[in-house]
Amino acid sequence: MYDKLTSGAIRKDFPILGRQVYGKPLIYFDNAATTQKPHQVIDAISKYYYGDNANVHRGVHYLSQQATNDFESVRKQIAGFINARYDREIIFTKGTTDSINLVAATFGKIIVNEGDEIVISAMEHHANIVPWQILCEEKKAHLRVIPISDTGDLDLEAYVGFINNKKTRLVAITHVSNTLGTINPVKEIVAMAHSKGIPVLLDGAQSVSHMPVDVQDIDCDFYCFSGHKLFGPMGIGVLYGKEELLNRMPPYQFGGEMIDQVTFEKTTFNEIPYKFEAGTPNVADVIGLGAAITYINEIGLENIRKWEDELLNYATSELKKAGGLTFFGEAKHKASVISFLIDGIHPYDAGTILDHMGIAVRTGTHCTQPLMDHFGISGTIRASLAFYNTKDEIDGLINGVEQVKKMFR
């Protein structure tokens, strides 16, 4: 299977990679924003709507039973994919943002009080800043931010100082930075927090598509990720939570499958995971996510990690040879994200020119404005790689960067 990655044969599974943009072959380097979908995922979603469409959990007829079985089998599949202890610890959400908001609105509200503290880091995505910021405002609590070095590494000494404070109630940290590519030492971070009795939430949006994740080994209390960054559909995500914590948490939304019994005098609620899955679920996209995970498992995350590391090293080396670039995020342990600026050229201008060459990169703050403030910049050009990218495409990016520099001379 590794040969299919290095040869580029895997690209045949992704219909969109064969299209053209502005008359040029598409080179897609915006995988940290969303990944492209293999036909196996597209086909699974189409199959559901063509032949199995029905609501789940509520019918005795064949289609409902089939849809329910397919839906719940994906929950079991995801539990195995991240090595959760029980499949009931897997909650379906709309995505990472929705998962974090769920935890903030339920668990956060029962553990955080006036004067308490929540610890995050300077490299967080807005989705792992704003919910905690709002919770702190509501509770009159305080948000503490772990600083980072110029290379994009967390200041673990500062982190230890924060969690030694008896007021810390929760740590919420990204596993992999969407802007810098930094892979944080999450197992160590969790162990440090747990030694003080502090629970930890990990934002795994940028990690599950690049490396194996074992939530029992990491021992995190919550783990969140999005389907669309795992080569699956948009609008579906996962919240993993330890059973004992999920049982403590009140419902987040109301109606549908999360109900147990309803009278006009009182309503009781269902058990986990259904307690947090109000209304009709996104059945088709859950099935699509299951197909994506099957596909990833067939390739092997270790193969993916190996090839993406090779691509990252090649791209970084070649871009540095080009000269005239400033890089942001050079941590020792990185996933396949490169953020840079072309000296003297605004990232939006560079991104627009690259786009007209058929090269899709992300420009701007990448939903990490405080991180941009840390570096004193307004944004970067971000090239984020996936296993279907090739060294030839990286050469195309290098050529594009050189063309941009020539246009502004």
Protein backbone atom coordinates (compact mmCIF):
# COMPACT_ATOMS: atom_id res chain seq x y z
CA MET A 1 0.00 0.00 0.00
CA TYR A 2 2.92 2.36 0.67
CA ASP A 3 3.89 2.01 -3.00
CA LYS A 4 0.47 3.38 -3.98
CA LEU A 5 1.28 6.50 -1.99
CA THR A 6 4.78 7.06 -3.31
CA SER A 7 3.76 6.34 -6.92
CA GLY A 8 0.70 8.58 -6.76
CA ALA A 9 -1.58 5.68 -7.75
CA ILE A 10 -3.77 6.45 -4.72
CA ARG A 11 -4.90 9.66 -6.45
CA LYS A 12 -7.20 7.66 -8.73
CA ASP A 13 -9.49 7.18 -5.72
CA PHE A 14 -10.14 10.96 -5.52
CA PRO A 15 -12.26 12.21 -8.43
CA ILE A 16 -11.67 15.90 -7.74
CA LEU A 17 -7.90 15.60 -8.10
CA GLY A 18 -8.30 15.08 -11.82
CA ARG A 19 -10.03 18.40 -12.47
CA GLN A 20 -8.55 21.64 -13.76
CA VAL A 21 -8.69 25.17 -12.34
CA TYR A 22 -8.22 28.14 -14.68
CA GLY A 23 -7.11 25.63 -17.30
CA LYS A 24 -4.37 24.24 -15.05
CA PRO A 25 -4.26 20.86 -13.26
CA LEU A 26 -5.45 21.27 -9.67
CA ILE A 27 -2.72 21.18 -7.02
CA TYR A 28 -4.54 21.00 -3.69
CA PHE A 29 -2.57 22.09 -0.63
CA ASP A 30 -5.43 23.17 1.65
CA ASN A 31 -5.90 19.89 3.48
CA ALA A 32 -5.84 21.44 6.95
CA ALA A 33 -9.04 23.28 6.00
CA THR A 34 -10.72 20.21 4.52
CA THR A 35 -9.58 17.03 2.82
CA GLN A 36 -10.85 15.68 -0.48
CA LYS A 37 -13.08 12.61 -0.56
CA PRO A 38 -12.36 9.23 -2.14
CA HIS A 39 -15.05 7.67 -4.30
CA GLN A 40 -15.52 5.03 -1.59
CA VAL A 41 -16.95 7.74 0.69
CA ILE A 42 -19.02 9.34 -2.06
CA ASP A 43 -20.39 5.94 -3.06
CA ALA A 44 -21.31 5.03 0.52
CA ILE A 45 -23.35 8.21 0.94
CA SER A 46 -25.05 7.72 -2.43
CA LYS A 47 -25.85 4.09 -1.60
CA TYR A 48 -27.58 5.14 1.61
CA TYR A 49 -29.78 7.69 -0.13
CA TYR A 50 -30.48 5.46 -3.13
CA GLY A 51 -31.35 2.32 -1.21
CA ASP A 52 -31.43 2.60 2.58
CA ASN A 53 -32.76 6.06 3.49
CA ALA A 54 -34.78 5.94 6.72
CA ASN A 55 -34.72 7.43 10.18
CA VAL A 56 -32.85 5.49 12.83
CA HIS A 57 -33.83 4.02 16.20
CA ARG A 58 -37.53 4.67 15.65
CA GLY A 59 -38.93 2.11 13.25
CA VAL A 60 -39.55 -1.61 13.16
CA HIS A 61 -39.59 -1.68 9.35
CA TYR A 62 -36.70 -3.03 7.32
CA LEU A 63 -35.20 0.26 6.12
CA SER A 64 -35.16 1.76 9.61
CA GLN A 65 -33.54 -1.34 11.05
CA GLN A 66 -30.93 -1.39 8.28
CA ALA A 67 -30.13 2.31 8.71
CA THR A 68 -29.90 1.88 12.49
CA ASN A 69 -27.54 -1.07 12.18
CA ASP A 70 -25.30 0.81 9.73
CA PHE A 71 -25.35 3.96 11.88
CA GLU A 72 -24.48 2.18 15.12
CA SER A 73 -21.82 0.02 13.46
CA VAL A 74 -19.92 3.23 12.67
CA ARG A 75 -20.01 4.20 16.33
CA LYS A 76 -18.32 0.89 17.15
CA GLN A 77 -15.90 1.43 14.28
CA ILE A 78 -14.87 4.86 15.58
CA ALA A 79 -14.40 3.47 19.09
CA GLY A 80 -11.96 0.97 17.62
CA PHE A 81 -10.28 3.59 15.45
CA ILE A 82 -9.27 5.72 18.47
CA ASN A 83 -9.28 2.81 20.95
CA ALA A 84 -12.08 4.07 23.17
CA ARG A 85 -12.99 1.67 25.94
CA TYR A 86 -16.70 1.59 25.05
CA ASP A 87 -18.62 2.57 21.94
CA ARG A 88 -21.07 4.48 24.18
CA GLU A 89 -18.21 6.93 24.79
CA ILE A 90 -18.56 8.07 21.17
CA ILE A 91 -20.94 11.01 20.60
CA PHE A 92 -21.83 12.15 17.09
CA THR A 93 -21.70 15.93 16.65
CA LYS A 94 -21.49 18.37 13.73
CA GLY A 95 -17.72 18.63 14.03
CA THR A 96 -14.85 19.59 16.31
CA THR A 97 -16.30 23.03 17.02
CA ASP A 98 -19.64 21.54 18.02
CA SER A 99 -17.90 18.97 20.21
CA ILE A 100 -15.92 21.59 22.11
CA ASN A 101 -19.03 23.72 22.56
CA LEU A 102 -20.87 20.69 23.92
CA VAL A 103 -18.21 20.11 26.58
CA ALA A 104 -18.04 23.82 27.46
CA ALA A 105 -21.83 24.11 27.79
CA THR A 106 -22.22 21.00 29.94
CA PHE A 107 -19.09 19.78 31.71
CA GLY A 108 -17.60 23.28 31.85
CA LYS A 109 -20.62 24.74 33.54
CA ILE A 110 -20.69 22.13 36.30
CA ILE A 111 -16.97 22.28 37.19
CA VAL A 112 -16.06 25.97 36.70
CA ASN A 113 -16.98 28.60 39.29
CA GLU A 114 -16.05 32.19 40.02
CA GLY A 115 -12.30 32.68 40.34
CA ASP A 116 -11.44 29.35 38.71
CA GLU A 117 -9.11 28.98 35.73
CA ILE A 118 -9.15 27.21 32.38
CA VAL A 119 -5.81 26.59 30.63
CA ILE A 120 -5.39 26.71 26.84
CA SER A 121 -2.37 27.47 24.63
CA ALA A 122 -1.27 30.32 22.38
CA MET A 123 -1.57 28.13 19.27
CA GLU A 124 -5.26 27.24 19.64
CA HIS A 125 -7.83 27.46 16.86
CA HIS A 126 -10.61 29.95 17.63
CA ALA A 127 -12.93 26.98 18.21
CA ASN A 128 -10.80 26.02 21.23
CA ILE A 129 -10.56 29.59 22.52
CA VAL A 130 -13.95 31.27 22.23
CA PRO A 131 -16.14 28.65 24.01
CA TRP A 132 -13.82 28.76 27.04
CA GLN A 133 -13.58 32.54 26.85
CA ILE A 134 -17.38 32.84 26.92
CA LEU A 135 -17.63 30.32 29.76
CA CYS A 136 -15.08 32.30 31.77
CA GLU A 137 -17.05 35.50 31.20
CA GLU A 138 -20.26 33.81 32.36
CA LYS A 139 -18.66 32.24 35.42
CA LYS A 140 -16.28 35.13 36.23
CA ALA A 141 -13.41 32.71 35.79
CA HIS A 142 -10.03 33.29 34.12
CA LEU A 143 -8.47 32.00 30.91
CA ARG A 144 -4.76 31.19 31.18
CA VAL A 145 -2.71 30.89 27.98
CA ILE A 146 0.41 28.73 27.75
CA PRO A 147 3.04 30.70 25.78
CA ILE A 148 4.99 29.23 22.88
CA SER A 149 8.56 29.60 21.66
CA ASP A 150 9.55 31.18 18.36
CA THR A 151 9.79 27.68 16.89
CA GLY A 152 6.20 26.95 17.84
CA ASP A 153 6.81 24.67 20.83
CA LEU A 154 4.74 24.89 23.99
CA ASP A 155 6.44 26.34 27.08
CA LEU A 156 5.93 23.33 29.34
CA GLU A 157 7.53 25.05 32.31
CA ALA A 158 4.86 27.75 32.14
CA TYR A 159 2.23 25.01 31.79
CA VAL A 160 3.44 23.31 34.97
CA GLY A 161 3.19 26.63 36.76
CA PHE A 162 -0.39 27.07 35.60
CA ILE A 163 -1.62 23.66 36.71
CA ASN A 164 0.09 23.98 40.09
CA ASN A 165 -2.52 26.62 40.76
CA LYS A 166 -5.32 24.96 42.73
CA LYS A 167 -7.86 27.05 40.81
CA THR A 168 -7.31 25.24 37.47
CA ARG A 169 -10.40 23.25 36.51
CA LEU A 170 -9.72 22.20 32.92
CA VAL A 171 -6.96 22.06 30.31
CA ALA A 172 -7.98 22.32 26.61
CA ILE A 173 -5.14 21.85 24.12
CA THR A 174 -4.77 21.12 20.44
CA HIS A 175 -3.06 17.85 19.57
CA VAL A 176 -1.66 19.30 16.32
CA SER A 177 -1.58 23.00 15.45
CA ASN A 178 -3.51 23.79 12.28
CA THR A 179 -1.20 26.75 11.56
CA LEU A 180 2.24 25.65 12.76
CA GLY A 181 1.97 21.87 12.40
CA THR A 182 3.38 21.44 15.91
CA ILE A 183 2.62 18.03 17.39
CA ASN A 184 2.16 18.66 21.09
CA PRO A 185 3.33 16.08 23.66
CA VAL A 186 -0.26 15.35 24.67
CA LYS A 187 0.43 12.22 26.70
CA GLU A 188 2.86 14.18 28.87
CA ILE A 189 0.46 17.15 29.07
CA VAL A 190 -2.39 14.89 30.19
CA ALA A 191 -0.26 13.08 32.78
CA MET A 192 0.87 16.40 34.28
CA ALA A 193 -2.71 17.62 34.54
CA HIS A 194 -4.02 14.36 35.97
CA SER A 195 -1.34 14.44 38.67
CA LYS A 196 -3.20 17.53 39.90
CA GLY A 197 -6.66 16.05 39.36
CA ILE A 198 -7.35 18.27 36.32
CA PRO A 199 -9.29 16.89 33.31
CA VAL A 200 -8.02 17.47 29.77
CA LEU A 201 -9.78 18.02 26.44
CA LEU A 202 -7.78 17.51 23.25
CA ASP A 203 -8.68 19.10 19.91
CA GLY A 204 -7.83 16.33 17.47
CA ALA A 205 -9.10 17.97 14.28
CA GLN A 206 -5.61 18.03 12.73
CA SER A 207 -4.26 14.78 14.14
CA VAL A 208 -6.55 11.85 13.31
CA SER A 209 -5.83 12.01 9.57
CA HIS A 210 -2.06 12.05 10.06
CA MET A 211 -1.23 9.60 12.85
CA PRO A 212 -2.67 6.81 15.00
CA VAL A 213 -4.60 8.08 18.04
CA ASP A 214 -5.13 5.94 21.14
CA VAL A 215 -7.28 7.79 23.66
CA GLN A 216 -6.73 5.17 26.36
CA ASP A 217 -2.97 5.41 25.99
CA ILE A 218 -3.08 9.21 25.98
CA ASP A 219 -5.61 9.00 28.85
CA CYS A 220 -7.35 12.24 27.82
CA ASP A 221 -10.80 12.90 29.22
CA PHE A 222 -12.25 14.29 25.98
CA TYR A 223 -11.10 14.06 22.36
CA CYS A 224 -12.75 15.85 19.43
CA PHE A 225 -12.40 15.58 15.66
CA SER A 226 -14.21 16.35 12.39
CA GLY A 227 -15.14 13.97 9.61
CA HIS A 228 -14.31 16.36 6.78
CA LYS A 229 -10.65 16.55 7.82
CA LEU A 230 -10.50 12.75 7.81
CA PHE A 231 -11.46 12.37 4.11
CA GLY A 232 -15.11 12.05 5.15
CA PRO A 233 -18.16 14.31 4.76
CA MET A 234 -18.70 17.78 6.13
CA GLY A 235 -21.21 18.29 8.92
CA ILE A 236 -20.26 15.26 11.00
CA GLY A 237 -17.86 15.02 13.91
CA VAL A 238 -17.03 13.05 17.01
CA LEU A 239 -16.73 13.74 20.70
CA TYR A 240 -15.06 11.04 22.73
CA GLY A 241 -15.53 11.34 26.47
CA LYS A 242 -14.78 9.04 29.38
CA GLU A 243 -17.96 7.30 30.44
CA GLU A 244 -17.94 8.58 34.02
CA LEU A 245 -17.66 12.19 32.87
CA LEU A 246 -20.33 11.88 30.17
CA ASN A 247 -22.69 10.44 32.77
CA ARG A 248 -22.11 13.49 34.99
CA MET A 249 -22.83 15.97 32.23
CA PRO A 250 -26.34 17.36 31.68
CA PRO A 251 -27.92 17.21 28.20
CA TYR A 252 -26.84 19.84 25.69
CA GLN A 253 -29.93 19.97 23.45
CA PHE A 254 -33.40 18.54 23.85
CA GLY A 255 -35.81 16.39 21.84
CA GLY A 256 -35.76 13.23 19.78
CA GLU A 257 -33.53 10.32 20.71
CA MET A 258 -32.15 11.97 23.86
CA ILE A 259 -35.56 11.60 25.53
CA ASP A 260 -36.46 8.70 27.82
CA GLN A 261 -39.95 9.56 29.10
CA VAL A 262 -42.02 12.72 28.65
CA THR A 263 -45.03 13.94 30.59
CA PHE A 264 -46.27 17.51 30.99
CA GLU A 265 -45.00 17.37 34.55
CA LYS A 266 -41.51 15.95 33.99
CA THR A 267 -39.10 14.64 31.34
CA THR A 268 -36.36 12.07 31.87
CA PHE A 269 -33.40 11.61 29.57
CA ASN A 270 -31.80 8.72 27.71
CA GLU A 271 -28.45 7.15 28.56
CA ILE A 272 -25.17 7.98 26.83
CA PRO A 273 -24.44 8.33 24.00
CA TYR A 274 -28.01 9.23 23.03
CA LYS A 275 -28.34 11.80 25.81
CA PHE A 276 -26.24 14.14 23.65
CA GLU A 277 -27.75 13.33 20.24
CA ALA A 278 -30.99 15.29 20.06
CA GLY A 279 -33.15 15.16 16.94
CA THR A 280 -32.67 13.23 13.73
CA PRO A 281 -28.95 12.46 13.35
CA ASN A 282 -26.87 12.98 10.22
CA VAL A 283 -27.17 9.33 9.23
CA ALA A 284 -25.78 9.55 5.69
CA ASP A 285 -22.66 11.40 6.75
CA VAL A 286 -22.06 9.05 9.68
CA ILE A 287 -22.07 6.24 7.13
CA GLY A 288 -19.75 8.30 4.93
CA LEU A 289 -17.40 8.79 7.88
CA GLY A 290 -17.40 5.05 8.45
CA ALA A 291 -16.39 4.53 4.83
CA ALA A 292 -13.59 7.07 5.24
CA ILE A 293 -12.23 5.26 8.30
CA THR A 294 -12.38 1.92 6.47
CA TYR A 295 -10.42 3.51 3.64
CA ILE A 296 -7.81 5.01 5.99
CA ASN A 297 -7.39 1.69 7.80
CA GLU A 298 -6.78 -0.07 4.50
CA ILE A 299 -3.96 2.34 3.66
CA GLY A 300 -2.62 2.33 7.22
CA LEU A 301 -1.96 5.42 9.30
CA GLU A 302 1.67 4.42 9.74
CA ASN A 303 2.08 4.40 5.95
CA ILE A 304 0.34 7.76 5.76
CA ARG A 305 2.56 9.23 8.46
CA LYS A 306 5.72 7.95 6.77
CA TRP A 307 4.82 9.35 3.33
CA GLU A 308 3.58 12.68 4.68
CA ASP A 309 6.80 13.10 6.68
CA GLU A 310 8.74 12.55 3.46
CA LEU A 311 6.60 15.12 1.65
CA LEU A 312 6.96 17.61 4.51
CA ASN A 313 10.75 17.27 4.61
CA TYR A 314 10.99 17.61 0.84
CA ALA A 315 8.70 20.65 0.70
CA THR A 316 10.44 22.38 3.60
CA SER A 317 13.89 21.77 2.13
CA GLU A 318 12.94 22.96 -1.37
CA LEU A 319 11.12 26.05 -0.14
CA LYS A 320 14.12 27.02 1.96
CA LYS A 321 16.38 26.60 -1.06
CA ALA A 322 14.14 29.04 -2.95
CA GLY A 323 15.13 31.82 -0.53
CA GLY A 324 13.27 35.00 0.28
CA LEU A 325 10.81 33.24 2.57
CA THR A 326 10.11 33.50 6.29
CA PHE A 327 8.78 30.38 8.01
CA PHE A 328 6.50 30.09 11.04
CA GLY A 329 6.41 26.87 13.01
CA GLU A 330 9.64 24.88 13.03
CA ALA A 331 9.01 22.60 15.97
CA LYS A 332 11.02 19.38 16.11
CA HIS A 333 7.83 17.30 16.00
CA LYS A 334 5.59 18.45 13.17
CA ALA A 335 2.73 17.26 11.02
CA SER A 336 2.50 18.15 7.34
CA VAL A 337 1.77 21.89 7.57
CA ILE A 338 4.07 24.66 6.31
CA SER A 339 3.26 28.31 7.10
CA PHE A 340 5.40 30.95 5.43
CA LEU A 341 5.54 34.44 3.96
CA ILE A 342 7.22 35.56 0.77
CA ASP A 343 9.32 38.52 1.87
CA GLY A 344 7.73 41.85 0.93
CA ILE A 345 4.59 40.29 -0.59
CA HIS A 346 1.17 40.21 1.09
CA PRO A 347 -0.07 36.63 1.55
CA TYR A 348 -3.41 37.39 -0.11
CA ASP A 349 -1.65 38.66 -3.22
CA ALA A 350 0.58 35.60 -3.34
CA GLY A 351 -2.34 33.25 -2.74
CA THR A 352 -4.39 34.83 -5.53
CA ILE A 353 -1.56 34.48 -8.04
CA LEU A 354 -0.92 30.86 -7.00
CA ASP A 355 -4.63 30.15 -7.36
CA HIS A 356 -4.53 31.26 -11.00
CA MET A 357 -1.75 28.72 -11.49
CA GLY A 358 -4.10 26.02 -10.20
CA ILE A 359 -2.40 25.85 -6.77
CA ALA A 360 -4.77 25.93 -3.79
CA VAL A 361 -3.13 27.19 -0.60
CA ARG A 362 -4.71 28.93 2.39
CA THR A 363 -3.92 32.56 3.16
CA GLY A 364 -4.86 34.57 6.25
CA THR A 365 -4.97 33.90 9.96
CA HIS A 366 -6.25 30.31 9.73
CA CYS A 367 -8.65 30.99 12.63
CA THR A 368 -5.65 31.61 14.90
CA GLN A 369 -5.60 35.40 15.22
CA PRO A 370 -3.90 35.42 18.65
CA LEU A 371 -1.11 33.30 17.16
CA MET A 372 -0.65 35.83 14.36
CA ASP A 373 -0.47 38.57 16.99
CA HIS A 374 2.25 36.58 18.78
CA PHE A 375 4.39 36.65 15.63
CA GLY A 376 3.43 40.24 14.81
CA ILE A 377 1.98 39.41 11.39
CA SER A 378 -1.42 39.70 9.72
CA GLY A 379 -1.41 36.19 8.28
CA THR A 380 0.59 33.55 6.42
CA ILE A 381 0.52 31.37 3.35
CA ARG A 382 -0.23 27.82 4.50
CA ALA A 383 0.51 24.73 2.45
CA SER A 384 -0.97 21.70 4.19
CA LEU A 385 -0.24 18.27 2.74
CA ALA A 386 -2.12 14.98 2.58
CA PHE A 387 -1.09 11.48 1.52
CA TYR A 388 -2.46 11.99 -2.01
CA ASN A 389 -0.06 14.87 -2.66
CA THR A 390 3.14 14.26 -4.64
CA LYS A 391 6.64 15.64 -4.91
CA ASP A 392 5.79 16.83 -8.43
CA GLU A 393 3.03 18.97 -6.93
CA ILE A 394 5.51 20.38 -4.43
CA ASP A 395 7.78 21.25 -7.36
CA GLY A 396 4.78 23.03 -8.86
CA LEU A 397 4.40 25.04 -5.66
CA ILE A 398 8.09 25.97 -5.70
CA ASN A 399 7.75 27.13 -9.29
CA GLY A 400 4.64 29.09 -8.35
CA VAL A 401 6.43 30.85 -5.52
CA GLU A 402 9.25 31.79 -7.88
CA GLN A 403 6.72 33.22 -10.35
CA VAL A 404 5.13 35.27 -7.57
CA LYS A 405 8.51 36.70 -6.59
CA LYS A 406 9.27 37.65 -10.21
CA MET A 407 5.94 39.48 -10.58
CA PHE A 408 6.73 41.73 -7.62
CA ARG A 409 10.34 42.54 -8.48
